[in-house]
N, C-alpha and C. Protein backbone atom coordinates (compact mmCIF):
# COMPACT_ATOMS: atom_id res chain seq x y z
N MET A 1 -36.80 26.84 35.98
CA MET A 1 -37.22 25.55 35.57
C MET A 1 -37.78 25.29 34.05
N PRO A 2 -37.06 24.74 33.54
CA PRO A 2 -37.00 25.05 32.26
C PRO A 2 -38.61 24.06 31.82
N SER A 3 -39.15 24.66 31.01
CA SER A 3 -40.17 23.89 30.31
C SER A 3 -39.91 22.62 29.24
N ALA A 4 -40.86 22.06 29.55
CA ALA A 4 -40.99 20.80 28.66
C ALA A 4 -40.98 21.49 27.08
N ALA A 5 -41.15 22.06 26.77
CA ALA A 5 -40.57 22.89 25.43
C ALA A 5 -39.52 23.00 25.06
N THR A 6 -38.98 23.35 25.83
CA THR A 6 -37.13 23.52 25.90
C THR A 6 -36.88 22.69 25.66
N TYR A 7 -36.90 21.34 26.60
CA TYR A 7 -36.28 20.25 26.18
C TYR A 7 -36.72 19.59 24.88
N VAL A 8 -37.90 19.37 24.39
CA VAL A 8 -38.22 19.03 23.24
C VAL A 8 -37.24 19.95 21.91
N LYS A 9 -37.17 21.51 22.02
CA LYS A 9 -36.45 22.20 21.11
C LYS A 9 -34.92 21.51 21.57
N ALA A 10 -34.18 21.51 22.82
CA ALA A 10 -32.94 20.96 22.67
C ALA A 10 -32.73 19.53 22.01
N ILE A 11 -33.52 18.52 22.28
CA ILE A 11 -33.51 17.42 22.15
C ILE A 11 -33.80 17.48 20.22
N THR A 12 -34.57 18.41 19.75
CA THR A 12 -34.24 17.96 18.10
C THR A 12 -32.96 18.86 17.71
N ALA A 13 -32.61 19.73 18.29
CA ALA A 13 -31.60 20.55 18.27
C ALA A 13 -30.38 19.61 17.94
N GLY A 14 -30.13 19.29 18.50
CA GLY A 14 -29.42 17.77 18.85
C GLY A 14 -29.51 16.40 17.93
N ALA A 15 -30.23 16.45 17.59
CA ALA A 15 -30.64 15.49 16.80
C ALA A 15 -30.57 16.04 15.30
N ALA A 16 -30.77 17.06 15.14
CA ALA A 16 -30.55 17.65 13.77
C ALA A 16 -28.91 17.91 13.69
N LEU A 17 -28.47 18.11 14.75
CA LEU A 17 -27.09 18.11 14.15
C LEU A 17 -26.25 16.93 14.60
N CYS A 18 -26.38 15.61 15.24
CA CYS A 18 -26.21 14.40 15.47
C CYS A 18 -26.34 14.10 13.86
N ILE A 19 -27.57 14.23 13.34
CA ILE A 19 -27.98 13.15 12.23
C ILE A 19 -27.75 13.79 10.87
N GLY A 20 -27.83 15.30 10.95
CA GLY A 20 -27.95 15.76 9.58
C GLY A 20 -26.62 16.32 9.26
N GLY A 21 -25.35 16.95 10.23
CA GLY A 21 -24.16 16.94 10.38
C GLY A 21 -23.53 15.92 8.94
N PRO A 22 -23.68 14.71 9.51
CA PRO A 22 -23.13 13.47 9.07
C PRO A 22 -23.73 13.25 7.68
N ALA A 23 -25.26 13.54 7.50
CA ALA A 23 -25.53 13.21 6.20
C ALA A 23 -25.40 14.23 5.60
N LEU A 24 -25.26 15.61 5.70
CA LEU A 24 -24.78 16.30 4.65
C LEU A 24 -23.67 16.17 4.30
N VAL A 25 -22.54 15.77 5.22
CA VAL A 25 -20.48 15.24 4.62
C VAL A 25 -21.00 14.31 4.02
N TRP A 26 -22.07 13.21 4.39
CA TRP A 26 -22.11 11.49 2.99
C TRP A 26 -22.48 12.73 1.54
N TYR A 27 -23.64 13.66 1.55
CA TYR A 27 -24.18 13.79 0.67
C TYR A 27 -23.55 14.65 -0.74
N VAL A 28 -22.63 15.41 -0.02
CA VAL A 28 -21.67 16.52 -0.53
C VAL A 28 -20.79 16.15 -0.91
N THR A 29 -20.39 15.18 -0.51
CA THR A 29 -18.51 14.00 -0.74
C THR A 29 -18.71 13.32 -1.80
N PRO A 30 -17.64 13.61 -2.78
CA PRO A 30 -17.92 13.02 -4.18
C PRO A 30 -17.53 11.34 -3.93
N THR A 31 -17.95 10.72 -4.94
CA THR A 31 -17.37 9.91 -4.98
C THR A 31 -16.02 9.40 -5.44
N GLU A 32 -15.40 8.20 -5.75
CA GLU A 32 -14.46 8.30 -6.18
C GLU A 32 -14.47 8.27 -7.85
N GLU A 33 -15.21 7.62 -8.50
CA GLU A 33 -15.58 7.80 -10.01
C GLU A 33 -15.95 9.14 -10.29
N GLU A 34 -16.42 9.86 -9.86
CA GLU A 34 -16.69 11.66 -9.89
C GLU A 34 -15.65 12.52 -10.00
N ILE A 35 -14.73 12.09 -8.76
CA ILE A 35 -13.24 12.42 -8.72
C ILE A 35 -12.55 11.98 -9.91
N PHE A 36 -12.48 10.76 -10.35
CA PHE A 36 -11.71 10.44 -11.45
C PHE A 36 -12.17 10.95 -12.75
N LYS A 37 -13.13 11.60 -12.70
CA LYS A 37 -13.71 11.76 -14.30
C LYS A 37 -13.35 13.35 -14.58
N LYS A 38 -13.09 13.79 -13.06
CA LYS A 38 -12.66 15.05 -13.31
C LYS A 38 -10.94 15.28 -13.45
N TYR A 39 -10.14 14.76 -13.52
CA TYR A 39 -8.96 14.35 -13.68
C TYR A 39 -8.71 15.00 -14.89
N ASN A 40 -7.73 15.48 -15.32
CA ASN A 40 -7.49 15.04 -16.87
C ASN A 40 -7.21 14.25 -17.88
N PRO A 41 -7.35 13.86 -18.62
CA PRO A 41 -7.03 12.66 -19.80
C PRO A 41 -5.44 11.81 -19.33
N ASP A 42 -4.39 13.04 -19.37
CA ASP A 42 -2.92 12.08 -18.96
C ASP A 42 -3.19 11.99 -17.26
N LEU A 43 -3.99 12.53 -16.55
CA LEU A 43 -3.99 11.77 -14.90
C LEU A 43 -4.84 10.42 -14.77
N GLN A 44 -5.88 10.60 -15.84
CA GLN A 44 -6.28 9.47 -15.88
C GLN A 44 -5.96 8.16 -16.55
N LYS A 45 -4.91 8.35 -17.28
CA LYS A 45 -4.12 7.10 -17.75
C LYS A 45 -3.50 6.97 -16.65
N ARG A 46 -2.56 7.80 -16.30
CA ARG A 46 -1.51 7.04 -15.28
C ARG A 46 -2.10 6.62 -14.15
N ALA A 47 -3.52 7.08 -14.02
CA ALA A 47 -3.82 6.52 -12.62
C ALA A 47 -4.20 4.90 -12.69
N LEU A 48 -4.98 4.90 -14.29
CA LEU A 48 -5.30 3.63 -14.48
C LEU A 48 -4.12 2.47 -15.04
N ALA A 49 -2.64 3.10 -15.27
CA ALA A 49 -1.85 2.36 -15.36
C ALA A 49 -1.46 1.42 -14.05
N THR A 50 -0.94 2.69 -13.11
CA THR A 50 -0.51 2.56 -11.77
C THR A 50 -1.39 2.05 -10.86
N ARG A 51 -2.35 1.75 -11.37
CA ARG A 51 -3.81 0.84 -10.28
C ARG A 51 -3.49 -0.46 -9.46
N ASP A 52 -3.18 -1.31 -10.74
CA ASP A 52 -2.43 -2.62 -10.15
C ASP A 52 -0.97 -2.17 -8.86
N GLN A 53 -0.80 -1.63 -9.49
CA GLN A 53 0.73 -1.73 -7.91
C GLN A 53 0.64 -1.24 -7.09
N ARG A 54 -0.23 -0.24 -7.20
CA ARG A 54 -1.05 0.56 -5.90
C ARG A 54 -1.82 -0.31 -5.10
N GLN A 55 -2.16 -1.32 -5.85
CA GLN A 55 -3.28 -2.57 -4.87
C GLN A 55 -2.31 -3.43 -4.79
N GLN A 56 -1.16 -3.73 -4.71
CA GLN A 56 -0.03 -4.60 -4.33
C GLN A 56 0.03 -4.28 -3.41
N GLU A 57 0.61 -2.83 -3.77
CA GLU A 57 1.43 -2.15 -2.45
C GLU A 57 0.34 -2.33 -1.42
N PHE A 58 -1.02 -1.81 -1.24
CA PHE A 58 -1.83 -1.92 -0.20
C PHE A 58 -2.14 -3.36 0.42
N ASP A 59 -2.35 -4.46 -0.23
CA ASP A 59 -2.39 -5.58 0.17
C ASP A 59 -1.36 -5.79 0.37
N SER A 60 0.46 -5.68 0.43
CA SER A 60 1.29 -6.27 1.11
C SER A 60 1.10 -5.52 2.44
N PHE A 61 0.70 -4.05 2.10
CA PHE A 61 0.57 -3.48 4.12
C PHE A 61 -0.44 -3.88 4.74
N VAL A 62 -1.22 -4.15 3.76
CA VAL A 62 -2.01 -4.95 4.76
C VAL A 62 -2.14 -6.06 5.58
N MET A 63 -1.23 -6.64 4.88
CA MET A 63 -0.95 -8.06 5.36
C MET A 63 0.53 -7.87 6.25
N GLN A 64 1.52 -7.30 5.94
CA GLN A 64 2.03 -6.76 7.40
C GLN A 64 1.84 -6.34 8.20
N LEU A 65 0.39 -5.24 8.52
CA LEU A 65 -0.44 -5.12 9.70
C LEU A 65 -0.77 -6.41 10.42
N ARG A 66 -1.50 -7.47 9.62
CA ARG A 66 -1.88 -8.87 10.05
C ARG A 66 -1.04 -9.05 10.78
N GLU A 67 0.57 -9.50 10.29
CA GLU A 67 1.24 -9.80 10.67
C GLU A 67 1.56 -9.39 12.20
N ALA A 68 2.04 -8.35 11.95
CA ALA A 68 2.40 -7.77 13.37
C ALA A 68 1.60 -7.46 14.43
N SER A 69 0.40 -7.90 13.94
CA SER A 69 -1.15 -7.54 15.27
C SER A 69 -0.87 -9.09 15.52
N LYS A 70 -0.58 -9.91 14.99
CA LYS A 70 -0.42 -11.49 16.13
C LYS A 70 0.26 -11.18 16.97
N SER A 71 1.72 -10.37 17.30
CA SER A 71 2.49 -10.14 18.02
C SER A 71 1.86 -9.67 19.54
N ASP A 72 2.31 -10.11 20.94
CA ASP A 72 1.72 -8.84 21.62
C ASP A 72 2.45 -8.30 21.91
N LYS A 73 3.67 -7.63 20.94
CA LYS A 73 3.88 -6.18 21.36
C LYS A 73 2.93 -5.19 20.74
N PRO A 74 3.27 -4.30 20.69
CA PRO A 74 2.48 -3.25 20.24
C PRO A 74 2.85 -2.88 18.45
N ILE A 75 1.81 -2.72 17.55
CA ILE A 75 2.21 -3.17 16.56
C ILE A 75 3.31 -1.82 15.94
N TRP A 76 3.07 -0.76 16.39
CA TRP A 76 4.72 0.08 15.53
C TRP A 76 6.03 -0.81 16.57
N ALA A 77 6.18 -1.03 17.46
CA ALA A 77 7.37 -1.92 17.55
C ALA A 77 7.62 -3.02 16.91
N VAL A 78 6.77 -4.10 16.59
CA VAL A 78 6.72 -4.67 15.74
C VAL A 78 7.15 -4.57 13.85
N GLN A 79 6.84 -3.37 13.83
CA GLN A 79 6.40 -2.99 12.83
C GLN A 79 8.58 -2.38 12.84
N LYS A 80 8.75 -1.53 13.48
CA LYS A 80 10.04 -1.16 13.08
C LYS A 80 10.99 -2.69 13.65
N GLU A 81 10.63 -3.42 14.26
CA GLU A 81 11.58 -4.74 13.83
C GLU A 81 11.44 -5.12 12.45
N MET A 82 10.44 -5.25 11.57
CA MET A 82 9.92 -6.11 10.43
C MET A 82 10.81 -4.99 9.41
N ASP A 83 10.63 -3.72 9.97
CA ASP A 83 11.57 -2.65 8.92
C ASP A 83 13.02 -2.93 9.09
N LYS A 84 13.69 -3.17 10.05
CA LYS A 84 14.48 -3.59 10.27
C LYS A 84 15.50 -4.27 9.84
N LYS A 85 14.70 -5.43 9.83
CA LYS A 85 15.11 -6.92 9.01
C LYS A 85 15.13 -6.89 8.16
N ARG A 86 13.83 -6.03 7.27
CA ARG A 86 14.06 -6.15 5.71
C ARG A 86 14.78 -4.90 5.38
N ALA A 87 15.67 -4.18 6.14
CA ALA A 87 16.57 -3.47 6.05
C ALA A 87 17.73 -4.55 5.80
N GLU A 88 18.11 -5.26 6.61
CA GLU A 88 19.02 -5.79 6.97
C GLU A 88 18.90 -6.98 5.55
N GLU A 89 17.93 -7.15 5.33
CA GLU A 89 17.89 -8.55 4.10
C GLU A 89 18.45 -7.90 2.54
N SER A 90 17.83 -5.92 2.76
CA SER A 90 18.22 -5.62 1.24
C SER A 90 19.66 -5.05 1.56
N ALA A 91 20.56 -5.30 2.53
CA ALA A 91 21.90 -4.99 2.53
C ALA A 91 22.86 -6.01 2.05
N GLN A 92 22.10 -7.06 2.71
CA GLN A 92 22.46 -8.30 2.00
C GLN A 92 22.82 -8.58 1.04
N ARG A 93 21.40 -8.98 0.81
CA ARG A 93 21.49 -8.58 -0.90
C ARG A 93 22.09 -7.81 -1.81
N MET A 94 22.23 -6.67 -1.42
CA MET A 94 23.31 -5.24 -1.54
C MET A 94 25.03 -6.19 -1.72
N ARG A 95 25.07 -6.69 -0.95
CA ARG A 95 26.53 -7.49 -0.59
C ARG A 95 26.84 -8.50 -1.18
N ASP A 96 26.12 -9.11 -1.56
CA ASP A 96 25.83 -10.60 -2.62
C ASP A 96 25.75 -9.93 -4.10
N GLU A 97 25.08 -9.26 -4.21
CA GLU A 97 25.35 -8.61 -5.76
C GLU A 97 26.62 -8.49 -6.01
N GLN A 98 27.38 -7.34 -5.17
CA GLN A 98 28.19 -6.79 -5.15
C GLN A 98 29.61 -7.61 -5.20
N ALA A 99 29.34 -8.94 -4.43
CA ALA A 99 30.54 -9.54 -4.21
C ALA A 99 30.21 -10.44 -5.81
N GLU A 100 29.19 -11.03 -5.93
CA GLU A 100 28.82 -11.61 -7.67
C GLU A 100 29.73 -10.51 -8.68
N LEU A 101 29.90 -9.26 -8.44
CA LEU A 101 30.11 -8.43 -9.81
C LEU A 101 31.30 -8.11 -9.83
N THR A 102 32.26 -8.18 -8.37
CA THR A 102 33.16 -8.42 -7.96
C THR A 102 34.17 -9.60 -8.99
N ALA A 103 33.53 -10.69 -8.35
CA ALA A 103 34.00 -11.72 -8.73
C ALA A 103 34.07 -12.25 -10.30
N GLU A 104 33.00 -11.22 -11.01
CA GLU A 104 32.48 -10.96 -12.64
C GLU A 104 34.02 -10.63 -13.50
N ALA A 105 34.26 -9.54 -12.63
CA ALA A 105 34.80 -8.25 -12.99
C ALA A 105 36.56 -9.56 -12.73
N GLU A 106 36.67 -10.01 -11.53
CA GLU A 106 37.82 -10.54 -11.59
C GLU A 106 38.31 -11.98 -12.50
N ARG A 107 36.96 -12.59 -13.01
CA ARG A 107 37.09 -13.31 -14.24
C ARG A 107 37.17 -12.91 -15.54
N ARG A 108 36.38 -11.85 -15.76
CA ARG A 108 36.85 -11.16 -16.88
C ARG A 108 38.69 -10.69 -16.91
N ARG A 109 39.50 -9.82 -15.99
CA ARG A 109 40.87 -9.95 -15.78
C ARG A 109 41.43 -11.04 -15.94
N ALA A 110 40.91 -12.20 -15.73
CA ALA A 110 41.60 -13.27 -15.59
C ALA A 110 41.75 -13.60 -16.83
N GLU A 111 40.79 -13.63 -17.37
CA GLU A 111 40.24 -13.99 -18.97
C GLU A 111 40.91 -13.32 -20.33
N ILE A 112 41.29 -12.13 -19.50
CA ILE A 112 41.92 -11.10 -20.63
C ILE A 112 43.41 -11.10 -20.24
N ARG A 113 44.03 -11.63 -19.36
CA ARG A 113 45.23 -11.82 -18.69
C ARG A 113 45.56 -13.23 -19.72
N SER A 114 44.92 -14.16 -19.37
CA SER A 114 45.27 -15.56 -20.28
C SER A 114 44.86 -15.22 -21.57
N SER A 115 44.27 -14.84 -22.26
CA SER A 115 44.36 -14.15 -23.71
C SER A 115 45.36 -13.45 -24.10
N ALA A 116 46.20 -12.15 -23.24
CA ALA A 116 46.88 -11.69 -23.71
C ALA A 116 48.40 -12.38 -23.93
N LYS A 117 48.53 -13.84 -23.43
CA LYS A 117 49.80 -14.23 -23.56
C LYS A 117 50.27 -14.97 -24.51
């Protein structure tokens, strides 16, 4: 039968692993500022230039997740439906733009024909 000292050693070792491991990871992990300072100047400029765009993309992603989470369906199914809807809207927009370009080209042809007479 194990003695009380064995239990104390086991509990101490377990606590050291459960507390010390994450504490060590937290201690050695660099902050975002430390990582940014290690970038070369070109990367720093590029990161600063695209920061707003990346923030907006992240915000829109979070808003989409919030919208998807309101449904009773699984998020991945709702996300797939939203992607399909977005693709259809994009395709419709492209068709509308193509129709406008075709109408503009036809108008110019008619204008050229009328001016050639």
